[in-house]
Amino acid sequence: MTSDLYLFLCGALAVAAWVAGLFFLRYWRLTRDRFFVFFTAAFWLMAVNWSAVAAFATDETRHYFYVIRLAAFLLILAAIVDKNRHHPK
């Protein structure tokens, strides 16, 4: 059985990731840079991950939680690679 503190912290992490995604969405609206869209999606995936961990209150080492986190980290990597590619003008 998971403790109440663990569930609270999972919820806090989910809210923090959601808010971080909102900040990146705001920066995207100002600049229209794809980098911020990738980061928005990545942080929202992390929010989904932490929400699922809290909702199901199971062992977070299950493979489906790792797949969500892997997708988020791959989006961050894709944003970095996309930003550093040479774009001819």
Protein backbone atom coordinates (compact mmCIF):
# COMPACT_ATOMS: atom_id res chain seq x y z
CA MET A 1 0.00 0.00 0.00
CA THR A 2 1.32 3.43 -0.90
CA SER A 3 1.51 6.21 1.60
CA ASP A 4 -0.47 9.40 1.45
CA LEU A 5 2.73 11.42 1.19
CA TYR A 6 3.81 9.47 -1.91
CA LEU A 7 0.45 10.10 -3.59
CA PHE A 8 0.62 13.78 -2.64
CA LEU A 9 4.11 14.12 -4.12
CA CYS A 10 3.05 12.38 -7.33
CA GLY A 11 0.18 14.84 -7.61
CA ALA A 12 2.49 17.77 -6.94
CA LEU A 13 4.88 16.56 -9.66
CA ALA A 14 1.98 16.20 -12.09
CA VAL A 15 0.82 19.76 -11.41
CA ALA A 16 4.36 21.11 -11.69
CA ALA A 17 4.87 19.38 -15.04
CA TRP A 18 1.51 20.66 -16.31
CA VAL A 19 2.40 24.25 -15.30
CA ALA A 20 5.83 23.97 -16.93
CA GLY A 21 4.07 22.83 -20.11
CA LEU A 22 1.82 25.89 -19.94
CA PHE A 23 4.85 28.16 -19.69
CA PHE A 24 6.42 26.56 -22.76
CA LEU A 25 3.11 26.87 -24.60
CA ARG A 26 3.06 30.57 -23.81
CA TYR A 27 6.61 30.97 -25.15
CA TRP A 28 5.60 29.11 -28.30
CA ARG A 29 2.69 31.50 -28.83
CA LEU A 30 5.12 34.44 -28.57
CA THR A 31 7.88 33.05 -30.81
CA ARG A 32 6.27 30.28 -32.93
CA ASP A 33 9.45 28.22 -32.38
CA ARG A 34 8.90 24.44 -32.62
CA PHE A 35 11.34 23.91 -29.77
CA PHE A 36 8.69 25.08 -27.30
CA VAL A 37 6.02 22.80 -28.79
CA PHE A 38 8.26 19.79 -28.24
CA PHE A 39 8.91 20.83 -24.65
CA THR A 40 5.21 21.49 -24.02
CA ALA A 41 4.33 17.98 -25.22
CA ALA A 42 7.17 16.44 -23.21
CA PHE A 43 6.15 18.09 -19.95
CA TRP A 44 2.50 17.23 -20.49
CA LEU A 45 3.48 13.60 -21.05
CA MET A 46 5.36 13.72 -17.76
CA ALA A 47 2.21 15.14 -16.13
CA VAL A 48 0.23 12.22 -17.55
CA ASN A 49 2.88 9.84 -16.23
CA TRP A 50 2.78 11.21 -12.68
CA SER A 51 -1.02 11.33 -12.73
CA ALA A 52 -1.15 7.69 -13.80
CA VAL A 53 1.31 6.68 -11.11
CA ALA A 54 -0.82 8.44 -8.49
CA ALA A 55 -4.14 7.19 -9.87
CA PHE A 56 -3.20 3.56 -10.16
CA ALA A 57 -1.04 3.60 -7.01
CA THR A 58 0.97 0.67 -8.25
CA ASP A 59 4.65 0.07 -8.58
CA GLU A 60 5.99 2.82 -10.84
CA THR A 61 8.59 0.46 -12.32
CA ARG A 62 5.99 -1.07 -14.63
CA HIS A 63 6.87 -0.92 -18.32
CA TYR A 64 3.94 1.28 -19.34
CA PHE A 65 5.14 4.06 -17.03
CA TYR A 66 8.60 3.81 -18.57
CA VAL A 67 7.16 4.04 -22.08
CA ILE A 68 5.46 7.33 -21.22
CA ARG A 69 8.65 8.72 -19.68
CA LEU A 70 10.71 7.48 -22.62
CA ALA A 71 8.40 9.28 -25.04
CA ALA A 72 8.76 12.50 -23.02
CA PHE A 73 12.55 12.29 -22.96
CA LEU A 74 12.67 11.47 -26.67
CA LEU A 75 10.60 14.58 -27.35
CA ILE A 76 13.11 16.66 -25.40
CA LEU A 77 15.96 15.08 -27.37
CA ALA A 78 14.11 15.72 -30.64
CA ALA A 79 13.64 19.38 -29.65
CA ILE A 80 17.35 19.80 -29.00
CA VAL A 81 18.36 18.10 -32.24
CA ASP A 82 15.78 20.09 -34.23
CA LYS A 83 16.93 23.37 -32.69
CA ASN A 84 20.59 22.70 -33.48
CA ARG A 85 20.07 21.59 -37.07
CA HIS A 86 21.20 24.00 -39.72
CA HIS A 87 18.16 25.61 -41.33
CA PRO A 88 19.01 27.24 -44.68
CA LYS A 89 17.35 30.61 -45.18
